[in-house]
């Protein structure tokens, strides 16, 4: 097991820079002597908000399809909590979708 994880999140294009900056400030994005390393690609996110939701995009009670970016970067394991908190604070959605994958040392 590595001391780093891959943090992946999904975000509308207009919030790409805000979320990347937040994760980088929290300690993510470094690979060797390089900083602010990330990768992103476009896709379509889907969701259906329940009665108690207030979607940033679309309407509750209706399935939505939204253009989004999938963003990936590496984060030291001991900074993951801070990076996720920073991501959530910078993200426009009520419930941002993100994943953290353990990396292997090779």
PDB file of N, CA and C in Angstrom:
ATOM      1  N   UNK A   1       0.847  -1.186   0.000  1.00  0.00           N
ATOM      2  CA  UNK A   1       0.000   0.000   0.000  1.00  0.00           C
ATOM      3  C   UNK A   1       0.888   1.244   0.000  1.00  0.00           C
ATOM      4  N   UNK A   2       0.421   2.256  -0.641  1.00  0.00           N
ATOM      5  CA  UNK A   2       1.152   3.511  -0.758  1.00  0.00           C
ATOM      6  C   UNK A   2       0.696   4.501   0.304  1.00  0.00           C
ATOM      7  N   UNK A   3       1.472   5.528   0.463  1.00  0.00           N
ATOM      8  CA  UNK A   3       1.077   6.612   1.359  1.00  0.00           C
ATOM      9  C   UNK A   3       0.291   7.684   0.604  1.00  0.00           C
ATOM     10  N   UNK A   4      -0.091   7.367  -0.643  1.00  0.00           N
ATOM     11  CA  UNK A   4      -0.889   8.295  -1.456  1.00  0.00           C
ATOM     12  C   UNK A   4      -2.167   7.623  -1.915  1.00  0.00           C
ATOM     13  N   UNK A   5      -3.174   8.449  -2.203  1.00  0.00           N
ATOM     14  CA  UNK A   5      -4.423   7.966  -2.787  1.00  0.00           C
ATOM     15  C   UNK A   5      -4.717   8.792  -4.034  1.00  0.00           C
ATOM     16  N   UNK A   6      -5.536   8.228  -4.902  1.00  0.00           N
ATOM     17  CA  UNK A   6      -6.039   8.965  -6.065  1.00  0.00           C
ATOM     18  C   UNK A   6      -7.397   9.509  -5.678  1.00  0.00           C
ATOM     19  N   UNK A   7      -7.546  10.822  -5.671  1.00  0.00           N
ATOM     20  CA  UNK A   7      -8.820  11.472  -5.380  1.00  0.00           C
ATOM     21  C   UNK A   7      -9.471  11.833  -6.711  1.00  0.00           C
ATOM     22  N   UNK A   8     -10.705  11.396  -6.892  1.00  0.00           N
ATOM     23  CA  UNK A   8     -11.460  11.619  -8.120  1.00  0.00           C
ATOM     24  C   UNK A   8     -12.765  12.310  -7.754  1.00  0.00           C
ATOM     25  N   UNK A   9     -13.125  13.340  -8.499  1.00  0.00           N
ATOM     26  CA  UNK A   9     -14.423  13.986  -8.266  1.00  0.00           C
ATOM     27  C   UNK A   9     -15.030  14.419  -9.594  1.00  0.00           C
ATOM     28  N   UNK A  10     -16.320  14.732  -9.526  1.00  0.00           N
ATOM     29  CA  UNK A  10     -17.108  15.098 -10.704  1.00  0.00           C
ATOM     30  C   UNK A  10     -17.676  16.491 -10.470  1.00  0.00           C
ATOM     31  N   UNK A  11     -17.496  17.379 -11.440  1.00  0.00           N
ATOM     32  CA  UNK A  11     -17.811  18.794 -11.215  1.00  0.00           C
ATOM     33  C   UNK A  11     -18.222  19.452 -12.536  1.00  0.00           C
ATOM     34  N   UNK A  12     -19.147  20.424 -12.484  1.00  0.00           N
ATOM     35  CA  UNK A  12     -19.436  21.189 -13.703  1.00  0.00           C
ATOM     36  C   UNK A  12     -18.200  22.001 -14.107  1.00  0.00           C
ATOM     37  N   UNK A  13     -18.031  22.196 -15.398  1.00  0.00           N
ATOM     38  CA  UNK A  13     -16.827  22.848 -15.910  1.00  0.00           C
ATOM     39  C   UNK A  13     -16.540  24.198 -15.254  1.00  0.00           C
ATOM     40  N   UNK A  14     -17.580  24.955 -14.959  1.00  0.00           N
ATOM     41  CA  UNK A  14     -17.391  26.274 -14.368  1.00  0.00           C
ATOM     42  C   UNK A  14     -16.778  26.254 -12.977  1.00  0.00           C
ATOM     43  N   UNK A  15     -16.769  25.110 -12.331  1.00  0.00           N
ATOM     44  CA  UNK A  15     -16.190  24.990 -10.990  1.00  0.00           C
ATOM     45  C   UNK A  15     -14.902  24.174 -10.973  1.00  0.00           C
ATOM     46  N   UNK A  16     -14.383  23.844 -12.138  1.00  0.00           N
ATOM     47  CA  UNK A  16     -13.152  23.066 -12.218  1.00  0.00           C
ATOM     48  C   UNK A  16     -12.013  23.743 -11.469  1.00  0.00           C
ATOM     49  N   UNK A  17     -11.721  24.991 -11.797  1.00  0.00           N
ATOM     50  CA  UNK A  17     -10.571  25.666 -11.203  1.00  0.00           C
ATOM     51  C   UNK A  17     -10.724  25.853  -9.697  1.00  0.00           C
ATOM     52  N   UNK A  18     -11.927  26.175  -9.230  1.00  0.00           N
ATOM     53  CA  UNK A  18     -12.138  26.354  -7.790  1.00  0.00           C
ATOM     54  C   UNK A  18     -11.883  25.065  -7.019  1.00  0.00           C
ATOM     55  N   UNK A  19     -12.362  23.939  -7.543  1.00  0.00           N
ATOM     56  CA  UNK A  19     -12.177  22.679  -6.824  1.00  0.00           C
ATOM     57  C   UNK A  19     -10.728  22.220  -6.900  1.00  0.00           C
ATOM     58  N   UNK A  20     -10.089  22.368  -8.051  1.00  0.00           N
ATOM     59  CA  UNK A  20      -8.672  22.000  -8.155  1.00  0.00           C
ATOM     60  C   UNK A  20      -7.841  22.826  -7.191  1.00  0.00           C
ATOM     61  N   UNK A  21      -8.066  24.126  -7.170  1.00  0.00           N
ATOM     62  CA  UNK A  21      -7.298  25.010  -6.291  1.00  0.00           C
ATOM     63  C   UNK A  21      -7.478  24.617  -4.822  1.00  0.00           C
ATOM     64  N   UNK A  22      -8.693  24.296  -4.439  1.00  0.00           N
ATOM     65  CA  UNK A  22      -8.959  23.906  -3.053  1.00  0.00           C
ATOM     66  C   UNK A  22      -8.196  22.635  -2.679  1.00  0.00           C
ATOM     67  N   UNK A  23      -8.228  21.640  -3.552  1.00  0.00           N
ATOM     68  CA  UNK A  23      -7.527  20.379  -3.280  1.00  0.00           C
ATOM     69  C   UNK A  23      -6.019  20.601  -3.268  1.00  0.00           C
ATOM     70  N   UNK A  24      -5.503  21.409  -4.166  1.00  0.00           N
ATOM     71  CA  UNK A  24      -4.066  21.693  -4.186  1.00  0.00           C
ATOM     72  C   UNK A  24      -3.634  22.419  -2.910  1.00  0.00           C
ATOM     73  N   UNK A  25      -4.416  23.396  -2.467  1.00  0.00           N
ATOM     74  CA  UNK A  25      -4.084  24.122  -1.228  1.00  0.00           C
ATOM     75  C   UNK A  25      -4.092  23.191  -0.019  1.00  0.00           C
ATOM     76  N   UNK A  26      -4.916  22.141  -0.081  1.00  0.00           N
ATOM     77  CA  UNK A  26      -5.014  21.186   1.026  1.00  0.00           C
ATOM     78  C   UNK A  26      -3.933  20.105   0.963  1.00  0.00           C
ATOM     79  N   UNK A  27      -3.040  20.184  -0.020  1.00  0.00           N
ATOM     80  CA  UNK A  27      -1.915  19.263  -0.073  1.00  0.00           C
ATOM     81  C   UNK A  27      -1.925  18.265  -1.207  1.00  0.00           C
ATOM     82  N   UNK A  28      -2.912  18.321  -2.079  1.00  0.00           N
ATOM     83  CA  UNK A  28      -2.976  17.382  -3.193  1.00  0.00           C
ATOM     84  C   UNK A  28      -2.221  17.878  -4.408  1.00  0.00           C
ATOM     85  N   UNK A  29      -2.031  16.975  -5.373  1.00  0.00           N
ATOM     86  CA  UNK A  29      -1.516  17.357  -6.676  1.00  0.00           C
ATOM     87  C   UNK A  29      -0.016  17.295  -6.872  1.00  0.00           C
ATOM     88  N   UNK A  30       0.745  16.776  -5.909  1.00  0.00           N
ATOM     89  CA  UNK A  30       2.200  16.708  -6.068  1.00  0.00           C
ATOM     90  C   UNK A  30       2.641  15.314  -6.491  1.00  0.00           C
ATOM     91  N   UNK A  31       3.460  15.268  -7.534  1.00  0.00           N
ATOM     92  CA  UNK A  31       4.080  14.031  -7.995  1.00  0.00           C
ATOM     93  C   UNK A  31       5.563  14.341  -8.179  1.00  0.00           C
ATOM     94  N   UNK A  32       6.392  13.809  -7.291  1.00  0.00           N
ATOM     95  CA  UNK A  32       7.827  14.114  -7.335  1.00  0.00           C
ATOM     96  C   UNK A  32       8.046  15.607  -7.187  1.00  0.00           C
ATOM     97  N   UNK A  33       8.802  16.190  -8.110  1.00  0.00           N
ATOM     98  CA  UNK A  33       9.099  17.623  -8.065  1.00  0.00           C
ATOM     99  C   UNK A  33       8.044  18.469  -8.780  1.00  0.00           C
ATOM    100  N   UNK A  34       6.947  17.847  -9.208  1.00  0.00           N
ATOM    101  CA  UNK A  34       5.884  18.559  -9.921  1.00  0.00           C
ATOM    102  C   UNK A  34       4.718  18.830  -8.984  1.00  0.00           C
ATOM    103  N   UNK A  35       4.115  19.988  -9.138  1.00  0.00           N
ATOM    104  CA  UNK A  35       2.954  20.374  -8.327  1.00  0.00           C
ATOM    105  C   UNK A  35       1.772  20.659  -9.239  1.00  0.00           C
ATOM    106  N   UNK A  36       0.576  20.709  -8.640  1.00  0.00           N
ATOM    107  CA  UNK A  36      -0.664  21.039  -9.346  1.00  0.00           C
ATOM    108  C   UNK A  36      -0.954  20.042 -10.477  1.00  0.00           C
ATOM    109  N   UNK A  37      -0.589  18.781 -10.249  1.00  0.00           N
ATOM    110  CA  UNK A  37      -0.810  17.730 -11.242  1.00  0.00           C
ATOM    111  C   UNK A  37      -2.251  17.231 -11.136  1.00  0.00           C
ATOM    112  N   UNK A  38      -2.922  17.179 -12.260  1.00  0.00           N
ATOM    113  CA  UNK A  38      -4.269  16.619 -12.298  1.00  0.00           C
ATOM    114  C   UNK A  38      -4.577  16.187 -13.719  1.00  0.00           C
ATOM    115  N   UNK A  39      -5.672  15.484 -13.849  1.00  0.00           N
ATOM    116  CA  UNK A  39      -6.154  15.036 -15.154  1.00  0.00           C
ATOM    117  C   UNK A  39      -7.665  15.189 -15.134  1.00  0.00           C
ATOM    118  N   UNK A  40      -8.257  15.577 -16.259  1.00  0.00           N
ATOM    119  CA  UNK A  40      -9.719  15.632 -16.318  1.00  0.00           C
ATOM    120  C   UNK A  40     -10.221  15.337 -17.715  1.00  0.00           C
ATOM    121  N   UNK A  41     -11.454  14.844 -17.748  1.00  0.00           N
ATOM    122  CA  UNK A  41     -12.124  14.514 -19.005  1.00  0.00           C
ATOM    123  C   UNK A  41     -13.613  14.779 -18.839  1.00  0.00           C
ATOM    124  N   UNK A  42     -14.295  14.992 -19.943  1.00  0.00           N
ATOM    125  CA  UNK A  42     -15.718  15.324 -19.873  1.00  0.00           C
ATOM    126  C   UNK A  42     -16.586  14.078 -19.983  1.00  0.00           C
ATOM    127  N   UNK A  43     -17.765  14.177 -19.416  1.00  0.00           N
ATOM    128  CA  UNK A  43     -18.754  13.117 -19.467  1.00  0.00           C
ATOM    129  C   UNK A  43     -20.103  13.682 -19.048  1.00  0.00           C
ATOM    130  N   UNK A  44     -21.035  12.805 -18.771  1.00  0.00           N
ATOM    131  CA  UNK A  44     -22.372  13.210 -18.376  1.00  0.00           C
ATOM    132  C   UNK A  44     -22.712  12.589 -17.028  1.00  0.00           C
ATOM    133  N   UNK A  45     -23.057  13.425 -16.069  1.00  0.00           N
ATOM    134  CA  UNK A  45     -23.509  12.943 -14.771  1.00  0.00           C
ATOM    135  C   UNK A  45     -25.027  12.889 -14.756  1.00  0.00           C
ATOM    136  N   UNK A  46     -25.575  11.928 -14.027  1.00  0.00           N
ATOM    137  CA  UNK A  46     -27.035  11.826 -13.885  1.00  0.00           C
ATOM    138  C   UNK A  46     -27.390  11.776 -12.413  1.00  0.00           C
ATOM    139  N   UNK A  47     -28.560  12.284 -12.082  1.00  0.00           N
ATOM    140  CA  UNK A  47     -29.049  12.226 -10.703  1.00  0.00           C
ATOM    141  C   UNK A  47     -30.540  12.512 -10.682  1.00  0.00           C
ATOM    142  N   UNK A  48     -31.160  12.087  -9.603  1.00  0.00           N
ATOM    143  CA  UNK A  48     -32.575  12.342  -9.346  1.00  0.00           C
ATOM    144  C   UNK A  48     -32.675  12.804  -7.904  1.00  0.00           C
ATOM    145  N   UNK A  49     -32.955  14.077  -7.691  1.00  0.00           N
ATOM    146  CA  UNK A  49     -33.049  14.624  -6.345  1.00  0.00           C
ATOM    147  C   UNK A  49     -34.394  14.313  -5.705  1.00  0.00           C
ATOM    148  N   UNK A  50     -34.348  13.911  -4.427  1.00  0.00           N
ATOM    149  CA  UNK A  50     -35.567  13.621  -3.676  1.00  0.00           C
ATOM    150  C   UNK A  50     -36.254  14.886  -3.186  1.00  0.00           C
ATOM    151  N   UNK A  51     -37.317  14.698  -2.406  1.00  0.00           N
ATOM    152  CA  UNK A  51     -38.134  15.815  -1.929  1.00  0.00           C
ATOM    153  C   UNK A  51     -37.360  16.814  -1.073  1.00  0.00           C
ATOM    154  N   UNK A  52     -36.334  16.356  -0.366  1.00  0.00           N
ATOM    155  CA  UNK A  52     -35.590  17.224   0.546  1.00  0.00           C
ATOM    156  C   UNK A  52     -34.332  17.807  -0.075  1.00  0.00           C
ATOM    157  N   UNK A  53     -34.220  17.778  -1.396  1.00  0.00           N
ATOM    158  CA  UNK A  53     -33.023  18.290  -2.053  1.00  0.00           C
ATOM    159  C   UNK A  53     -33.266  19.667  -2.653  1.00  0.00           C
ATOM    160  N   UNK A  54     -32.166  20.368  -2.908  1.00  0.00           N
ATOM    161  CA  UNK A  54     -32.195  21.666  -3.578  1.00  0.00           C
ATOM    162  C   UNK A  54     -31.071  21.659  -4.616  1.00  0.00           C
ATOM    163  N   UNK A  55     -31.292  20.988  -5.758  1.00  0.00           N
ATOM    164  CA  UNK A  55     -30.213  20.819  -6.733  1.00  0.00           C
ATOM    165  C   UNK A  55     -29.688  22.151  -7.261  1.00  0.00           C
ATOM    166  N   UNK A  56     -28.374  22.222  -7.418  1.00  0.00           N
ATOM    167  CA  UNK A  56     -27.741  23.388  -8.031  1.00  0.00           C
ATOM    168  C   UNK A  56     -28.117  23.485  -9.495  1.00  0.00           C
ATOM    169  N   UNK A  57     -28.255  22.324 -10.125  1.00  0.00           N
ATOM    170  CA  UNK A  57     -28.618  22.231 -11.544  1.00  0.00           C
ATOM    171  C   UNK A  57     -29.880  21.387 -11.639  1.00  0.00           C
ATOM    172  N   UNK A  58     -30.844  21.820 -12.430  1.00  0.00           N
ATOM    173  CA  UNK A  58     -32.049  21.027 -12.640  1.00  0.00           C
ATOM    174  C   UNK A  58     -33.074  21.173 -11.526  1.00  0.00           C
ATOM    175  N   UNK A  59     -33.970  20.188 -11.438  1.00  0.00           N
ATOM    176  CA  UNK A  59     -35.084  20.236 -10.498  1.00  0.00           C
ATOM    177  C   UNK A  59     -35.170  18.945  -9.691  1.00  0.00           C
ATOM    178  N   UNK A  60     -35.603  19.053  -8.449  1.00  0.00           N
ATOM    179  CA  UNK A  60     -35.838  17.841  -7.653  1.00  0.00           C
ATOM    180  C   UNK A  60     -37.009  17.075  -8.260  1.00  0.00           C
ATOM    181  N   UNK A  61     -36.969  15.758  -8.105  1.00  0.00           N
ATOM    182  CA  UNK A  61     -38.045  14.928  -8.611  1.00  0.00           C
ATOM    183  C   UNK A  61     -37.979  14.632 -10.104  1.00  0.00           C
ATOM    184  N   UNK A  62     -36.928  15.089 -10.752  1.00  0.00           N
ATOM    185  CA  UNK A  62     -36.760  14.844 -12.186  1.00  0.00           C
ATOM    186  C   UNK A  62     -35.330  14.369 -12.443  1.00  0.00           C
ATOM    187  N   UNK A  63     -35.198  13.279 -13.180  1.00  0.00           N
ATOM    188  CA  UNK A  63     -33.841  12.821 -13.488  1.00  0.00           C
ATOM    189  C   UNK A  63     -33.157  13.832 -14.393  1.00  0.00           C
ATOM    190  N   UNK A  64     -31.955  14.210 -13.998  1.00  0.00           N
ATOM    191  CA  UNK A  64     -31.191  15.214 -14.740  1.00  0.00           C
ATOM    192  C   UNK A  64     -29.966  14.567 -15.374  1.00  0.00           C
ATOM    193  N   UNK A  65     -29.560  15.106 -16.491  1.00  0.00           N
ATOM    194  CA  UNK A  65     -28.322  14.735 -17.169  1.00  0.00           C
ATOM    195  C   UNK A  65     -27.518  16.020 -17.336  1.00  0.00           C
ATOM    196  N   UNK A  66     -26.314  16.025 -16.749  1.00  0.00           N
ATOM    197  CA  UNK A  66     -25.539  17.262 -16.661  1.00  0.00           C
ATOM    198  C   UNK A  66     -24.126  17.040 -17.200  1.00  0.00           C
ATOM    199  N   UNK A  67     -23.652  17.921 -18.094  1.00  0.00           N
ATOM    200  CA  UNK A  67     -22.251  17.822 -18.519  1.00  0.00           C
ATOM    201  C   UNK A  67     -21.341  18.110 -17.322  1.00  0.00           C
ATOM    202  N   UNK A  68     -20.406  17.211 -17.080  1.00  0.00           N
ATOM    203  CA  UNK A  68     -19.481  17.356 -15.962  1.00  0.00           C
ATOM    204  C   UNK A  68     -18.089  16.933 -16.391  1.00  0.00           C
ATOM    205  N   UNK A  69     -17.122  17.280 -15.553  1.00  0.00           N
ATOM    206  CA  UNK A  69     -15.751  16.828 -15.735  1.00  0.00           C
ATOM    207  C   UNK A  69     -15.412  15.842 -14.627  1.00  0.00           C
ATOM    208  N   UNK A  70     -14.693  14.788 -14.970  1.00  0.00           N
ATOM    209  CA  UNK A  70     -14.116  13.867 -13.995  1.00  0.00           C
ATOM    210  C   UNK A  70     -12.686  14.356 -13.777  1.00  0.00           C
ATOM    211  N   UNK A  71     -12.348  14.659 -12.547  1.00  0.00           N
ATOM    212  CA  UNK A  71     -11.035  15.212 -12.210  1.00  0.00           C
ATOM    213  C   UNK A  71     -10.305  14.213 -11.318  1.00  0.00           C
ATOM    214  N   UNK A  72      -9.030  14.003 -11.585  1.00  0.00           N
ATOM    215  CA  UNK A  72      -8.207  13.095 -10.801  1.00  0.00           C
ATOM    216  C   UNK A  72      -6.928  13.781 -10.376  1.00  0.00           C
ATOM    217  N   UNK A  73      -6.503  13.498  -9.151  1.00  0.00           N
ATOM    218  CA  UNK A  73      -5.206  13.946  -8.667  1.00  0.00           C
ATOM    219  C   UNK A  73      -4.759  13.004  -7.552  1.00  0.00           C
ATOM    220  N   UNK A  74      -3.524  13.119  -7.149  1.00  0.00           N
ATOM    221  CA  UNK A  74      -3.026  12.317  -6.035  1.00  0.00           C
ATOM    222  C   UNK A  74      -2.980  13.178  -4.783  1.00  0.00           C
ATOM    223  N   UNK A  75      -3.191  12.513  -3.646  1.00  0.00           N
ATOM    224  CA  UNK A  75      -3.195  13.196  -2.354  1.00  0.00           C
ATOM    225  C   UNK A  75      -2.466  12.302  -1.356  1.00  0.00           C
ATOM    226  N   UNK A  76      -1.569  12.858  -0.542  1.00  0.00           N
ATOM    227  CA  UNK A  76      -0.984  12.046   0.524  1.00  0.00           C
ATOM    228  C   UNK A  76      -2.095  11.554   1.449  1.00  0.00           C
ATOM    229  N   UNK A  77      -1.995  10.313   1.871  1.00  0.00           N
ATOM    230  CA  UNK A  77      -3.031   9.713   2.705  1.00  0.00           C
ATOM    231  C   UNK A  77      -3.301  10.538   3.955  1.00  0.00           C
ATOM    232  N   UNK A  78      -2.256  11.090   4.548  1.00  0.00           N
ATOM    233  CA  UNK A  78      -2.448  11.865   5.781  1.00  0.00           C
ATOM    234  C   UNK A  78      -3.085  13.236   5.545  1.00  0.00           C
ATOM    235  N   UNK A  79      -3.280  13.614   4.290  1.00  0.00           N
ATOM    236  CA  UNK A  79      -3.938  14.887   3.959  1.00  0.00           C
ATOM    237  C   UNK A  79      -5.293  14.680   3.290  1.00  0.00           C
ATOM    238  N   UNK A  80      -5.702  13.434   3.163  1.00  0.00           N
ATOM    239  CA  UNK A  80      -6.951  13.137   2.453  1.00  0.00           C
ATOM    240  C   UNK A  80      -8.152  13.798   3.110  1.00  0.00           C
ATOM    241  N   UNK A  81      -8.269  13.733   4.420  1.00  0.00           N
ATOM    242  CA  UNK A  81      -9.402  14.356   5.108  1.00  0.00           C
ATOM    243  C   UNK A  81      -9.498  15.843   4.822  1.00  0.00           C
ATOM    244  N   UNK A  82      -8.349  16.525   4.869  1.00  0.00           N
ATOM    245  CA  UNK A  82      -8.331  17.964   4.580  1.00  0.00           C
ATOM    246  C   UNK A  82      -8.670  18.241   3.116  1.00  0.00           C
ATOM    247  N   UNK A  83      -8.172  17.390   2.218  1.00  0.00           N
ATOM    248  CA  UNK A  83      -8.442  17.592   0.793  1.00  0.00           C
ATOM    249  C   UNK A  83      -9.922  17.394   0.478  1.00  0.00           C
ATOM    250  N   UNK A  84     -10.541  16.386   1.085  1.00  0.00           N
ATOM    251  CA  UNK A  84     -11.974  16.154   0.855  1.00  0.00           C
ATOM    252  C   UNK A  84     -12.801  17.296   1.447  1.00  0.00           C
ATOM    253  N   UNK A  85     -12.438  17.765   2.627  1.00  0.00           N
ATOM    254  CA  UNK A  85     -13.164  18.894   3.234  1.00  0.00           C
ATOM    255  C   UNK A  85     -13.047  20.138   2.357  1.00  0.00           C
ATOM    256  N   UNK A  86     -11.864  20.391   1.824  1.00  0.00           N
ATOM    257  CA  UNK A  86     -11.662  21.545   0.941  1.00  0.00           C
ATOM    258  C   UNK A  86     -12.452  21.382  -0.355  1.00  0.00           C
ATOM    259  N   UNK A  87     -12.446  20.179  -0.910  1.00  0.00           N
ATOM    260  CA  UNK A  87     -13.222  19.904  -2.121  1.00  0.00           C
ATOM    261  C   UNK A  87     -14.702  20.160  -1.878  1.00  0.00           C
ATOM    262  N   UNK A  88     -15.236  19.625  -0.789  1.00  0.00           N
ATOM    263  CA  UNK A  88     -16.659  19.807  -0.490  1.00  0.00           C
ATOM    264  C   UNK A  88     -17.010  21.285  -0.303  1.00  0.00           C
ATOM    265  N   UNK A  89     -16.129  22.045   0.339  1.00  0.00           N
ATOM    266  CA  UNK A  89     -16.391  23.475   0.562  1.00  0.00           C
ATOM    267  C   UNK A  89     -16.377  24.263  -0.746  1.00  0.00           C
ATOM    268  N   UNK A  90     -15.545  23.844  -1.703  1.00  0.00           N
ATOM    269  CA  UNK A  90     -15.417  24.577  -2.966  1.00  0.00           C
ATOM    270  C   UNK A  90     -16.410  24.118  -4.021  1.00  0.00           C
ATOM    271  N   UNK A  91     -17.023  22.988  -3.820  1.00  0.00           N
ATOM    272  CA  UNK A  91     -17.887  22.377  -4.835  1.00  0.00           C
ATOM    273  C   UNK A  91     -19.284  22.998  -4.789  1.00  0.00           C
ATOM    274  N   UNK A  92     -19.901  23.239  -5.954  1.00  0.00           N
ATOM    275  CA  UNK A  92     -21.220  23.882  -5.958  1.00  0.00           C
ATOM    276  C   UNK A  92     -22.381  22.958  -5.590  1.00  0.00           C
ATOM    277  N   UNK A  93     -22.200  21.647  -5.619  1.00  0.00           N
ATOM    278  CA  UNK A  93     -23.299  20.716  -5.370  1.00  0.00           C
ATOM    279  C   UNK A  93     -23.536  20.487  -3.878  1.00  0.00           C
ATOM    280  N   UNK A  94     -24.790  20.201  -3.512  1.00  0.00           N
ATOM    281  CA  UNK A  94     -25.123  19.813  -2.135  1.00  0.00           C
ATOM    282  C   UNK A  94     -24.370  18.560  -1.712  1.00  0.00           C
ATOM    283  N   UNK A  95     -24.318  17.591  -2.608  1.00  0.00           N
ATOM    284  CA  UNK A  95     -23.676  16.293  -2.340  1.00  0.00           C
ATOM    285  C   UNK A  95     -22.698  15.982  -3.474  1.00  0.00           C
ATOM    286  N   UNK A  96     -21.490  16.527  -3.417  1.00  0.00           N
ATOM    287  CA  UNK A  96     -20.549  16.236  -4.496  1.00  0.00           C
ATOM    288  C   UNK A  96     -20.153  14.759  -4.504  1.00  0.00           C
ATOM    289  N   UNK A  97     -20.031  14.205  -5.691  1.00  0.00           N
ATOM    290  CA  UNK A  97     -19.598  12.822  -5.849  1.00  0.00           C
ATOM    291  C   UNK A  97     -18.074  12.800  -5.934  1.00  0.00           C
ATOM    292  N   UNK A  98     -17.446  11.967  -5.104  1.00  0.00           N
ATOM    293  CA  UNK A  98     -15.998  11.808  -5.144  1.00  0.00           C
ATOM    294  C   UNK A  98     -15.654  10.392  -4.684  1.00  0.00           C
ATOM    295  N   UNK A  99     -14.459   9.956  -5.077  1.00  0.00           N
ATOM    296  CA  UNK A  99     -13.942   8.648  -4.686  1.00  0.00           C
ATOM    297  C   UNK A  99     -12.474   8.820  -4.301  1.00  0.00           C
ATOM    298  N   UNK A 100     -11.992   7.963  -3.428  1.00  0.00           N
ATOM    299  CA  UNK A 100     -10.580   7.915  -3.076  1.00  0.00           C
ATOM    300  C   UNK A 100     -10.117   6.473  -3.245  1.00  0.00           C
ATOM    301  N   UNK A 101      -9.119   6.281  -4.097  1.00  0.00           N
ATOM    302  CA  UNK A 101      -8.598   4.952  -4.408  1.00  0.00           C
ATOM    303  C   UNK A 101      -7.194   4.802  -3.831  1.00  0.00           C
ATOM    304  N   UNK A 102      -6.939   3.744  -3.097  1.00  0.00           N
ATOM    305  CA  UNK A 102      -5.567   3.516  -2.620  1.00  0.00           C
ATOM    306  C   UNK A 102      -4.653   3.211  -3.803  1.00  0.00           C
ATOM    307  N   UNK A 103      -3.436   3.693  -3.732  1.00  0.00           N
ATOM    308  CA  UNK A 103      -2.444   3.431  -4.771  1.00  0.00           C
ATOM    309  C   UNK A 103      -1.421   2.437  -4.246  1.00  0.00           C
ATOM    310  N   UNK A 104      -0.851   1.672  -5.136  1.00  0.00           N
ATOM    311  CA  UNK A 104       0.184   0.700  -4.774  1.00  0.00           C
ATOM    312  C   UNK A 104       1.557   1.278  -5.071  1.00  0.00           C
ATOM    313  N   UNK A 105       2.513   1.021  -4.196  1.00  0.00           N
ATOM    314  CA  UNK A 105       3.902   1.356  -4.506  1.00  0.00           C
ATOM    315  C   UNK A 105       4.439   0.271  -5.427  1.00  0.00           C
ATOM    316  N   UNK A 106       5.060   0.676  -6.513  1.00  0.00           N
ATOM    317  CA  UNK A 106       5.622  -0.325  -7.433  1.00  0.00           C
ATOM    318  C   UNK A 106       7.113  -0.096  -7.604  1.00  0.00           C
TER     319      UNK A 106
END
